[in-house]
Protein backbone atom coordinates (compact mmCIF):
# COMPACT_ATOMS: atom_id res chain seq x y z
CA UNK A 1 17.76 12.48 -17.86
CA UNK A 2 15.13 14.06 -19.50
CA UNK A 3 15.65 11.62 -22.69
CA UNK A 4 15.96 8.71 -20.90
CA UNK A 5 12.18 10.17 -19.49
CA UNK A 6 10.71 10.76 -22.85
CA UNK A 7 12.85 7.15 -24.32
CA UNK A 8 11.09 5.53 -21.56
CA UNK A 9 7.62 6.98 -21.99
CA UNK A 10 7.82 6.46 -25.83
CA UNK A 11 9.24 3.38 -25.79
CA UNK A 12 6.85 1.80 -22.94
CA UNK A 13 3.29 3.34 -25.35
CA UNK A 14 5.01 2.14 -27.92
CA UNK A 15 5.78 -1.52 -26.34
CA UNK A 16 1.79 -1.53 -25.52
CA UNK A 17 0.64 -0.87 -29.13
CA UNK A 18 2.57 -3.55 -30.59
CA UNK A 19 1.12 -6.07 -27.70
CA UNK A 20 -1.99 -5.04 -29.33
CA UNK A 21 -1.07 -5.47 -32.84
CA UNK A 22 0.80 -8.42 -32.04
CA UNK A 23 3.40 -7.69 -33.51
CA UNK A 24 7.17 -8.90 -32.22
CA UNK A 25 9.27 -6.61 -34.71
CA UNK A 26 7.96 -3.65 -33.28
CA UNK A 27 7.78 -4.75 -29.54
CA UNK A 28 11.27 -5.45 -29.73
CA UNK A 29 11.67 -2.36 -31.17
CA UNK A 30 9.78 -0.67 -28.58
CA UNK A 31 11.59 -2.40 -25.72
CA UNK A 32 15.16 -1.33 -27.41
CA UNK A 33 13.47 2.42 -26.81
CA UNK A 34 12.53 2.06 -23.42
CA UNK A 35 15.57 0.03 -22.41
CA UNK A 36 17.75 2.92 -23.56
CA UNK A 37 15.55 5.24 -21.45
CA UNK A 38 16.26 3.29 -18.63
CA UNK A 39 20.10 3.11 -18.97
CA UNK A 40 19.65 7.19 -20.21
CA UNK A 41 17.95 7.61 -16.64
CA UNK A 42 20.34 5.67 -14.52
CA UNK A 43 23.70 7.17 -15.89
CA UNK A 44 21.70 10.74 -15.47
CA UNK A 45 20.60 9.99 -11.77
CA UNK A 46 23.99 8.58 -10.77
CA UNK A 47 25.93 11.38 -12.37
CA UNK A 48 23.39 13.68 -10.12
CA UNK A 49 23.83 12.03 -7.22
CA UNK A 50 27.65 10.95 -7.26
CA UNK A 51 29.02 14.06 -7.54
CA UNK A 52 27.60 15.32 -4.15
CA UNK A 53 29.13 12.57 -2.09
CA UNK A 54 32.16 13.13 -0.70
CA UNK A 55 34.94 10.69 -1.86
CA UNK A 56 35.10 8.37 1.34
CA UNK A 57 31.21 8.31 0.56
CA UNK A 58 30.46 7.21 -2.68
CA UNK A 59 30.95 3.76 -2.18
CA UNK A 60 27.81 4.17 0.46
CA UNK A 61 25.91 6.84 -2.08
CA UNK A 62 26.57 3.80 -5.04
CA UNK A 63 25.64 0.82 -3.39
CA UNK A 64 22.41 2.73 -2.23
CA UNK A 65 21.67 3.63 -5.72
CA UNK A 66 21.97 0.14 -7.02
CA UNK A 67 19.95 -1.06 -4.20
CA UNK A 68 16.95 1.34 -5.52
CA UNK A 69 17.05 0.67 -8.85
CA UNK A 70 17.16 -2.97 -8.37
CA UNK A 71 14.06 -2.24 -5.91
CA UNK A 72 12.51 0.23 -8.16
CA UNK A 73 13.01 -2.60 -11.44
CA UNK A 74 12.06 -5.85 -9.01
CA UNK A 75 9.09 -4.71 -6.63
CA UNK A 76 6.65 -3.86 -9.79
CA UNK A 77 7.93 -7.24 -12.10
CA UNK A 78 7.07 -9.49 -8.96
CA UNK A 79 3.32 -6.78 -8.34
CA UNK A 80 2.53 -7.57 -12.09
CA UNK A 81 3.31 -11.33 -11.46
CA UNK A 82 1.31 -11.41 -8.29
CA UNK A 83 -1.71 -9.10 -10.23
CA UNK A 84 -1.10 -12.17 -13.48
CA UNK A 85 -2.18 -14.77 -10.77
CA UNK A 86 -5.26 -13.08 -9.89
CA UNK A 87 -5.88 -11.72 -13.55
CA UNK A 88 -4.76 -14.41 -15.59
CA UNK A 89 -4.90 -12.20 -18.47
CA UNK A 90 -0.85 -10.92 -19.48
CA UNK A 91 -1.97 -8.50 -22.02
CA UNK A 92 -4.13 -6.51 -19.04
CA UNK A 93 -1.61 -6.92 -17.09
CA UNK A 94 1.07 -5.52 -19.48
CA UNK A 95 -1.27 -2.88 -19.86
CA UNK A 96 -1.70 -2.05 -16.54
CA UNK A 97 1.68 -2.34 -16.21
CA UNK A 98 2.67 -0.19 -18.88
CA UNK A 99 0.68 2.63 -17.72
CA UNK A 100 2.55 2.45 -14.24
CA UNK A 101 6.17 2.65 -15.80
CA UNK A 102 5.02 5.78 -17.97
CA UNK A 103 2.88 7.35 -15.09
CA UNK A 104 6.03 6.61 -12.98
CA UNK A 105 8.45 8.16 -16.01
CA UNK A 106 6.13 11.35 -16.08
CA UNK A 107 6.88 11.99 -12.18
CA UNK A 108 10.54 11.46 -12.40
CA UNK A 109 11.05 13.65 -15.54
CA UNK A 110 8.79 15.98 -13.69
CA UNK A 111 11.02 16.75 -10.77
CA UNK A 112 14.26 16.57 -12.69
CA UNK A 113 12.86 19.63 -14.70
CA UNK A 114 11.90 21.00 -11.65
CA UNK A 115 15.62 20.77 -10.18
CA UNK A 116 17.31 22.28 -12.99
CA UNK A 117 15.08 25.30 -12.91
CA UNK A 118 16.11 25.41 -9.32
CA UNK A 119 12.37 25.11 -8.23
């Protein structure tokens, strides 16, 4: 999960830089890095939660994990679309969205590190 958070933060920051530089290649490379971070984070979350569930509870736990994951991806995208209609500036909206993604990734990484240390 730590790699996932770091890759998500670095990939999102690089994507914002690529947008500012108007570099399509940089943007695609950065989004690949951010995507690998999201995938690793999701896999880490499932590996953390699923073993704690009893055999007959695993389907329900996994279902909840997927619903939370889709909401975590979908609601910010809806909010970004709403902001875009209000601001009309796709670059500013992307920067705000990227800042929120990085902030949430830092919080997730902090939580993962605290859990690992047993705090």
